[in-house]
Amino acid sequence: MFRLLICDDHPPIRTVLRLLAKEATGPCDVTETGSAQELLTELEGRRQFDLLTLDLQLPGRSGLSILASVKQIRPQLPVLVLSADESPESVTAALNGGASSYLFKSVSERRLFQALRDAAENLLSLPSGYTGVAGQEMQTQPLPRRSGGEPALDLSPRQRQVLDCLLKGMSAKQIARALHISEGTVKSHTVAVFRCLNVASRSQAIVEAHRLGISLGT
């Protein structure tokens, strides 16, 4: 059963997300919170979640500050930011701050439905046209695909684990702790991952993973 945690201070938005999630993912356990404090209290408990949808415009606290707290408590929890802020700078800041996906609140219900379905399959969602590179397109080349549909990345098993952690928004320290390796080793693997994807930052890596249809490890 897909376990969704919603944080938004507008009840109608929470209702739409709850209804769409149950249509998109089948059996779904939905938990709703309406403030940063409610969210953090929920995350400090024992319940496990597969996805957090997070509004960055919550009253009383910076959205990026809330995101940082979320990643401190649950570093491996994928976060889909759903925000009214449509600036590319805000998208990049959220992705670099630990979000796995970002959508505008102005998207259609059909697009939101697809994003929730993708999340249940461990895929990422980003605004149409967002490249992760200010003022320029990323230079990408198609990669051969495995039978399962994923690209055949030239990464070692450990480097693929590091990529999964990066896409989930984990810091180098959190990755090192999760994989039981040094931070220096994490940084070396990160360089190899960026080189393989032909990117130079976490936000660009997320964009390229989204473009290639790379799924998060479970």
C-alpha atoms as a PDB file:
ATOM      1  CA  MET A   1       0.000   0.000   0.000  1.00  0.00           C
ATOM      2  CA  PHE A   2       1.321   3.438  -0.995  1.00  0.00           C
ATOM      3  CA  ARG A   3       1.788   5.701   2.029  1.00  0.00           C
ATOM      4  CA  LEU A   4       1.382   9.400   1.280  1.00  0.00           C
ATOM      5  CA  LEU A   5       2.018  12.284   3.670  1.00  0.00           C
ATOM      6  CA  ILE A   6       0.529  15.638   2.646  1.00  0.00           C
ATOM      7  CA  CYS A   7       1.543  19.006   4.079  1.00  0.00           C
ATOM      8  CA  ASP A   8      -0.481  21.990   2.883  1.00  0.00           C
ATOM      9  CA  ASP A   9      -2.305  24.685   4.845  1.00  0.00           C
ATOM     10  CA  HIS A  10      -5.206  24.758   2.349  1.00  0.00           C
ATOM     11  CA  PRO A  11      -7.769  21.993   3.045  1.00  0.00           C
ATOM     12  CA  PRO A  12      -9.089  21.968  -0.571  1.00  0.00           C
ATOM     13  CA  ILE A  13      -5.589  21.194  -1.867  1.00  0.00           C
ATOM     14  CA  ARG A  14      -5.239  18.360   0.630  1.00  0.00           C
ATOM     15  CA  THR A  15      -8.610  16.973  -0.451  1.00  0.00           C
ATOM     16  CA  VAL A  16      -7.635  17.000  -4.128  1.00  0.00           C
ATOM     17  CA  LEU A  17      -4.319  15.301  -3.368  1.00  0.00           C
ATOM     18  CA  ARG A  18      -6.007  12.658  -1.232  1.00  0.00           C
ATOM     19  CA  LEU A  19      -8.612  11.820  -3.871  1.00  0.00           C
ATOM     20  CA  LEU A  20      -6.128  11.818  -6.755  1.00  0.00           C
ATOM     21  CA  ALA A  21      -3.660   9.661  -4.830  1.00  0.00           C
ATOM     22  CA  LYS A  22      -6.281   7.011  -4.213  1.00  0.00           C
ATOM     23  CA  GLU A  23      -7.172   6.986  -7.915  1.00  0.00           C
ATOM     24  CA  ALA A  24      -3.560   7.049  -9.104  1.00  0.00           C
ATOM     25  CA  THR A  25      -1.969   4.510  -6.788  1.00  0.00           C
ATOM     26  CA  GLY A  26      -4.762   2.123  -5.842  1.00  0.00           C
ATOM     27  CA  PRO A  27      -4.790   1.227  -2.141  1.00  0.00           C
ATOM     28  CA  CYS A  28      -3.352   4.283  -0.447  1.00  0.00           C
ATOM     29  CA  ASP A  29      -2.850   5.366   3.154  1.00  0.00           C
ATOM     30  CA  VAL A  30      -3.011   9.176   3.291  1.00  0.00           C
ATOM     31  CA  THR A  31      -1.957  11.311   6.246  1.00  0.00           C
ATOM     32  CA  GLU A  32      -2.707  15.047   6.149  1.00  0.00           C
ATOM     33  CA  THR A  33      -0.929  17.894   7.960  1.00  0.00           C
ATOM     34  CA  GLY A  34      -1.661  21.607   7.710  1.00  0.00           C
ATOM     35  CA  SER A  35       1.409  23.253   9.219  1.00  0.00           C
ATOM     36  CA  ALA A  36       5.156  22.838   9.543  1.00  0.00           C
ATOM     37  CA  GLN A  37       4.823  21.839  13.182  1.00  0.00           C
ATOM     38  CA  GLU A  38       2.216  19.170  12.434  1.00  0.00           C
ATOM     39  CA  LEU A  39       4.425  17.836   9.655  1.00  0.00           C
ATOM     40  CA  LEU A  40       7.588  17.608  11.758  1.00  0.00           C
ATOM     41  CA  THR A  41       5.695  16.019  14.645  1.00  0.00           C
ATOM     42  CA  GLU A  42       4.366  13.366  12.257  1.00  0.00           C
ATOM     43  CA  LEU A  43       7.834  12.700  10.834  1.00  0.00           C
ATOM     44  CA  GLU A  44       9.332  12.333  14.294  1.00  0.00           C
ATOM     45  CA  GLY A  45       6.931   9.469  14.969  1.00  0.00           C
ATOM     46  CA  ARG A  46       7.288   5.866  13.902  1.00  0.00           C
ATOM     47  CA  ARG A  47       4.972   5.827  10.889  1.00  0.00           C
ATOM     48  CA  GLN A  48       6.668   5.231   7.557  1.00  0.00           C
ATOM     49  CA  PHE A  49       5.833   7.050   4.313  1.00  0.00           C
ATOM     50  CA  ASP A  50       6.646   6.556   0.631  1.00  0.00           C
ATOM     51  CA  LEU A  51       6.210  10.192  -0.392  1.00  0.00           C
ATOM     52  CA  LEU A  52       5.753  13.638   1.124  1.00  0.00           C
ATOM     53  CA  THR A  53       3.968  16.350  -0.856  1.00  0.00           C
ATOM     54  CA  LEU A  54       5.110  19.674   0.557  1.00  0.00           C
ATOM     55  CA  ASP A  55       3.806  23.205   0.098  1.00  0.00           C
ATOM     56  CA  LEU A  56       6.739  25.625   0.448  1.00  0.00           C
ATOM     57  CA  GLN A  57       4.481  28.587   1.245  1.00  0.00           C
ATOM     58  CA  LEU A  58       3.447  27.549   4.738  1.00  0.00           C
ATOM     59  CA  PRO A  59       2.794  30.376   7.235  1.00  0.00           C
ATOM     60  CA  GLY A  60       5.400  31.288   9.818  1.00  0.00           C
ATOM     61  CA  ARG A  61       8.460  29.567   8.401  1.00  0.00           C
ATOM     62  CA  SER A  62      10.641  29.495   5.283  1.00  0.00           C
ATOM     63  CA  GLY A  63       9.772  26.668   2.926  1.00  0.00           C
ATOM     64  CA  LEU A  64      13.420  25.750   2.361  1.00  0.00           C
ATOM     65  CA  SER A  65      13.950  25.714   6.116  1.00  0.00           C
ATOM     66  CA  ILE A  66      11.075  23.250   6.473  1.00  0.00           C
ATOM     67  CA  LEU A  67      12.534  21.125   3.686  1.00  0.00           C
ATOM     68  CA  ALA A  68      15.909  21.066   5.447  1.00  0.00           C
ATOM     69  CA  SER A  69      14.253  19.897   8.668  1.00  0.00           C
ATOM     70  CA  VAL A  70      12.382  17.174   6.794  1.00  0.00           C
ATOM     71  CA  LYS A  71      15.605  15.857   5.273  1.00  0.00           C
ATOM     72  CA  GLN A  72      17.285  15.879   8.675  1.00  0.00           C
ATOM     73  CA  ILE A  73      14.537  13.720  10.171  1.00  0.00           C
ATOM     74  CA  ARG A  74      13.807  11.489   7.158  1.00  0.00           C
ATOM     75  CA  PRO A  75      16.754  11.785   4.726  1.00  0.00           C
ATOM     76  CA  GLN A  76      15.530   8.971   2.470  1.00  0.00           C
ATOM     77  CA  LEU A  77      11.933  10.178   2.153  1.00  0.00           C
ATOM     78  CA  PRO A  78      11.211  11.443  -1.397  1.00  0.00           C
ATOM     79  CA  VAL A  79       9.680  14.924  -1.353  1.00  0.00           C
ATOM     80  CA  LEU A  80       7.408  16.302  -4.070  1.00  0.00           C
ATOM     81  CA  VAL A  81       7.199  20.072  -3.692  1.00  0.00           C
ATOM     82  CA  LEU A  82       3.864  21.477  -4.851  1.00  0.00           C
ATOM     83  CA  SER A  83       4.250  25.243  -4.965  1.00  0.00           C
ATOM     84  CA  ALA A  84       2.698  28.395  -6.371  1.00  0.00           C
ATOM     85  CA  ASP A  85       6.233  29.734  -6.941  1.00  0.00           C
ATOM     86  CA  GLU A  86       6.998  29.028 -10.597  1.00  0.00           C
ATOM     87  CA  SER A  87      10.422  30.669 -10.840  1.00  0.00           C
ATOM     88  CA  PRO A  88      13.265  28.444 -12.119  1.00  0.00           C
ATOM     89  CA  GLU A  89      15.426  29.710  -9.248  1.00  0.00           C
ATOM     90  CA  SER A  90      12.944  28.358  -6.702  1.00  0.00           C
ATOM     91  CA  VAL A  91      12.785  25.005  -8.459  1.00  0.00           C
ATOM     92  CA  THR A  92      16.577  24.732  -8.416  1.00  0.00           C
ATOM     93  CA  ALA A  93      16.791  25.802  -4.779  1.00  0.00           C
ATOM     94  CA  ALA A  94      14.233  23.176  -3.751  1.00  0.00           C
ATOM     95  CA  LEU A  95      15.956  20.395  -5.704  1.00  0.00           C
ATOM     96  CA  ASN A  96      19.342  21.340  -4.287  1.00  0.00           C
ATOM     97  CA  GLY A  97      17.726  21.502  -0.843  1.00  0.00           C
ATOM     98  CA  GLY A  98      16.561  17.902  -0.940  1.00  0.00           C
ATOM     99  CA  ALA A  99      13.342  17.769  -2.969  1.00  0.00           C
ATOM    100  CA  SER A 100      13.085  14.880  -5.423  1.00  0.00           C
ATOM    101  CA  SER A 101      10.356  16.440  -7.563  1.00  0.00           C
ATOM    102  CA  TYR A 102       8.696  19.846  -8.054  1.00  0.00           C
ATOM    103  CA  LEU A 103       5.366  20.812  -9.589  1.00  0.00           C
ATOM    104  CA  PHE A 104       3.484  24.077  -9.823  1.00  0.00           C
ATOM    105  CA  LYS A 105       0.093  24.385  -8.159  1.00  0.00           C
ATOM    106  CA  SER A 106      -1.220  25.662 -11.486  1.00  0.00           C
ATOM    107  CA  VAL A 107      -0.820  22.234 -13.132  1.00  0.00           C
ATOM    108  CA  SER A 108      -3.896  20.369 -14.258  1.00  0.00           C
ATOM    109  CA  GLU A 109      -5.395  17.597 -12.149  1.00  0.00           C
ATOM    110  CA  ARG A 110      -4.396  15.205 -14.911  1.00  0.00           C
ATOM    111  CA  ARG A 111      -0.739  16.224 -14.555  1.00  0.00           C
ATOM    112  CA  LEU A 112      -0.913  15.966 -10.780  1.00  0.00           C
ATOM    113  CA  PHE A 113      -2.561  12.553 -11.101  1.00  0.00           C
ATOM    114  CA  GLN A 114       0.319  11.408 -13.321  1.00  0.00           C
ATOM    115  CA  ALA A 115       2.898  12.790 -10.884  1.00  0.00           C
ATOM    116  CA  LEU A 116       1.379  10.784  -8.032  1.00  0.00           C
ATOM    117  CA  ARG A 117       1.246   7.664 -10.200  1.00  0.00           C
ATOM    118  CA  ASP A 118       4.894   8.223 -11.144  1.00  0.00           C
ATOM    119  CA  ALA A 119       5.806   8.669  -7.476  1.00  0.00           C
ATOM    120  CA  ALA A 120       4.244   5.304  -6.682  1.00  0.00           C
ATOM    121  CA  GLU A 121       6.605   3.844  -9.308  1.00  0.00           C
ATOM    122  CA  ASN A 122       9.585   5.743  -7.832  1.00  0.00           C
ATOM    123  CA  LEU A 123       9.819   8.145 -10.791  1.00  0.00           C
ATOM    124  CA  LEU A 124      10.512  11.876 -10.590  1.00  0.00           C
ATOM    125  CA  SER A 125       8.356  14.802 -11.733  1.00  0.00           C
ATOM    126  CA  LEU A 126       9.494  18.260 -12.836  1.00  0.00           C
ATOM    127  CA  PRO A 127       7.908  21.301 -14.495  1.00  0.00           C
ATOM    128  CA  SER A 128       7.740  21.123 -18.267  1.00  0.00           C
ATOM    129  CA  GLY A 129      10.695  22.912 -19.830  1.00  0.00           C
ATOM    130  CA  TYR A 130      12.790  23.140 -16.690  1.00  0.00           C
ATOM    131  CA  THR A 131      16.413  22.302 -17.536  1.00  0.00           C
ATOM    132  CA  GLY A 132      18.246  22.914 -14.278  1.00  0.00           C
ATOM    133  CA  VAL A 133      20.689  25.170 -16.093  1.00  0.00           C
ATOM    134  CA  ALA A 134      20.063  28.911 -16.092  1.00  0.00           C
ATOM    135  CA  GLY A 135      19.739  30.252 -19.596  1.00  0.00           C
ATOM    136  CA  GLN A 136      20.932  27.174 -21.454  1.00  0.00           C
ATOM    137  CA  GLU A 137      19.907  23.684 -22.409  1.00  0.00           C
ATOM    138  CA  MET A 138      21.811  20.718 -21.040  1.00  0.00           C
ATOM    139  CA  GLN A 139      23.803  18.770 -23.588  1.00  0.00           C
ATOM    140  CA  THR A 140      22.517  15.220 -23.330  1.00  0.00           C
ATOM    141  CA  GLN A 141      22.795  12.117 -25.454  1.00  0.00           C
ATOM    142  CA  PRO A 142      20.488   9.097 -25.460  1.00  0.00           C
ATOM    143  CA  LEU A 143      21.745   6.074 -23.554  1.00  0.00           C
ATOM    144  CA  PRO A 144      21.094   2.424 -24.443  1.00  0.00           C
ATOM    145  CA  ARG A 145      18.265   0.850 -22.477  1.00  0.00           C
ATOM    146  CA  ARG A 146      18.065  -2.378 -20.549  1.00  0.00           C
ATOM    147  CA  SER A 147      15.157  -4.751 -21.125  1.00  0.00           C
ATOM    148  CA  GLY A 148      13.332  -3.222 -18.142  1.00  0.00           C
ATOM    149  CA  GLY A 149      13.335   0.199 -19.799  1.00  0.00           C
ATOM    150  CA  GLU A 150      15.983   1.888 -17.666  1.00  0.00           C
ATOM    151  CA  PRO A 151      19.092   3.346 -19.331  1.00  0.00           C
ATOM    152  CA  ALA A 152      22.229   1.219 -19.105  1.00  0.00           C
ATOM    153  CA  LEU A 153      24.277   3.641 -17.009  1.00  0.00           C
ATOM    154  CA  ASP A 154      27.994   3.012 -16.778  1.00  0.00           C
ATOM    155  CA  LEU A 155      27.920   3.022 -12.977  1.00  0.00           C
ATOM    156  CA  SER A 156      29.126   0.536 -10.411  1.00  0.00           C
ATOM    157  CA  PRO A 157      26.521  -0.867  -7.987  1.00  0.00           C
ATOM    158  CA  ARG A 158      27.824   1.482  -5.272  1.00  0.00           C
ATOM    159  CA  GLN A 159      27.678   4.493  -7.597  1.00  0.00           C
ATOM    160  CA  ARG A 160      24.082   3.597  -8.450  1.00  0.00           C
ATOM    161  CA  GLN A 161      23.292   3.535  -4.720  1.00  0.00           C
ATOM    162  CA  VAL A 162      24.840   6.996  -4.400  1.00  0.00           C
ATOM    163  CA  LEU A 163      22.736   8.215  -7.343  1.00  0.00           C
ATOM    164  CA  ASP A 164      19.572   6.910  -5.668  1.00  0.00           C
ATOM    165  CA  CYS A 165      20.494   8.750  -2.479  1.00  0.00           C
ATOM    166  CA  LEU A 166      21.222  11.970  -4.370  1.00  0.00           C
ATOM    167  CA  LEU A 167      17.854  11.794  -6.105  1.00  0.00           C
ATOM    168  CA  LYS A 168      16.157  11.352  -2.723  1.00  0.00           C
ATOM    169  CA  GLY A 169      17.778  14.579  -1.523  1.00  0.00           C
ATOM    170  CA  MET A 170      20.299  13.116   0.895  1.00  0.00           C
ATOM    171  CA  SER A 171      23.434  15.070   1.831  1.00  0.00           C
ATOM    172  CA  ALA A 172      26.932  13.613   1.543  1.00  0.00           C
ATOM    173  CA  LYS A 173      26.983  13.030   5.293  1.00  0.00           C
ATOM    174  CA  GLN A 174      23.608  11.261   5.209  1.00  0.00           C
ATOM    175  CA  ILE A 175      24.693   9.111   2.260  1.00  0.00           C
ATOM    176  CA  ALA A 176      27.907   8.163   4.039  1.00  0.00           C
ATOM    177  CA  ARG A 177      25.943   7.132   7.114  1.00  0.00           C
ATOM    178  CA  ALA A 178      23.351   5.169   5.119  1.00  0.00           C
ATOM    179  CA  LEU A 179      25.906   3.305   2.989  1.00  0.00           C
ATOM    180  CA  HIS A 180      28.548   2.944   5.717  1.00  0.00           C
ATOM    181  CA  ILE A 181      31.269   4.672   3.700  1.00  0.00           C
ATOM    182  CA  SER A 182      33.311   7.844   4.225  1.00  0.00           C
ATOM    183  CA  GLU A 183      32.183  11.262   3.017  1.00  0.00           C
ATOM    184  CA  GLY A 184      35.280  11.387   0.820  1.00  0.00           C
ATOM    185  CA  THR A 185      34.181   8.176  -0.882  1.00  0.00           C
ATOM    186  CA  VAL A 186      30.699   9.613  -1.346  1.00  0.00           C
ATOM    187  CA  LYS A 187      32.169  12.677  -3.044  1.00  0.00           C
ATOM    188  CA  SER A 188      34.289  10.511  -5.338  1.00  0.00           C
ATOM    189  CA  HIS A 189      31.250   8.459  -6.334  1.00  0.00           C
ATOM    190  CA  THR A 190      29.222  11.662  -6.829  1.00  0.00           C
ATOM    191  CA  VAL A 191      31.837  12.967  -9.271  1.00  0.00           C
ATOM    192  CA  ALA A 192      31.592   9.684 -11.205  1.00  0.00           C
ATOM    193  CA  VAL A 193      27.781   9.885 -11.231  1.00  0.00           C
ATOM    194  CA  PHE A 194      27.811  13.481 -12.498  1.00  0.00           C
ATOM    195  CA  ARG A 195      30.339  12.540 -15.180  1.00  0.00           C
ATOM    196  CA  CYS A 196      28.192   9.618 -16.319  1.00  0.00           C
ATOM    197  CA  LEU A 197      25.087  11.807 -16.559  1.00  0.00           C
ATOM    198  CA  ASN A 198      27.055  14.722 -18.086  1.00  0.00           C
ATOM    199  CA  VAL A 199      25.894  17.124 -15.364  1.00  0.00           C
ATOM    200  CA  ALA A 200      27.546  19.395 -12.811  1.00  0.00           C
ATOM    201  CA  SER A 201      25.049  19.687  -9.947  1.00  0.00           C
ATOM    202  CA  ARG A 202      22.370  17.826  -8.021  1.00  0.00           C
ATOM    203  CA  SER A 203      19.562  19.753  -9.705  1.00  0.00           C
ATOM    204  CA  GLN A 204      20.934  18.881 -13.142  1.00  0.00           C
ATOM    205  CA  ALA A 205      21.251  15.229 -12.090  1.00  0.00           C
ATOM    206  CA  ILE A 206      17.575  15.198 -11.104  1.00  0.00           C
ATOM    207  CA  VAL A 207      16.615  16.762 -14.427  1.00  0.00           C
ATOM    208  CA  GLU A 208      18.621  14.177 -16.356  1.00  0.00           C
ATOM    209  CA  ALA A 209      17.261  11.298 -14.260  1.00  0.00           C
ATOM    210  CA  HIS A 210      13.746  12.557 -14.977  1.00  0.00           C
ATOM    211  CA  ARG A 211      14.504  12.807 -18.698  1.00  0.00           C
ATOM    212  CA  LEU A 212      15.940   9.293 -18.799  1.00  0.00           C
ATOM    213  CA  GLY A 213      13.149   7.767 -16.744  1.00  0.00           C
ATOM    214  CA  ILE A 214      15.512   6.578 -14.020  1.00  0.00           C
ATOM    215  CA  SER A 215      13.614   5.238 -11.020  1.00  0.00           C
ATOM    216  CA  LEU A 216      14.587   5.587  -7.384  1.00  0.00           C
ATOM    217  CA  GLY A 217      15.893   2.509  -5.663  1.00  0.00           C
ATOM    218  CA  THR A 218      13.630   1.040  -3.010  1.00  0.00           C
END
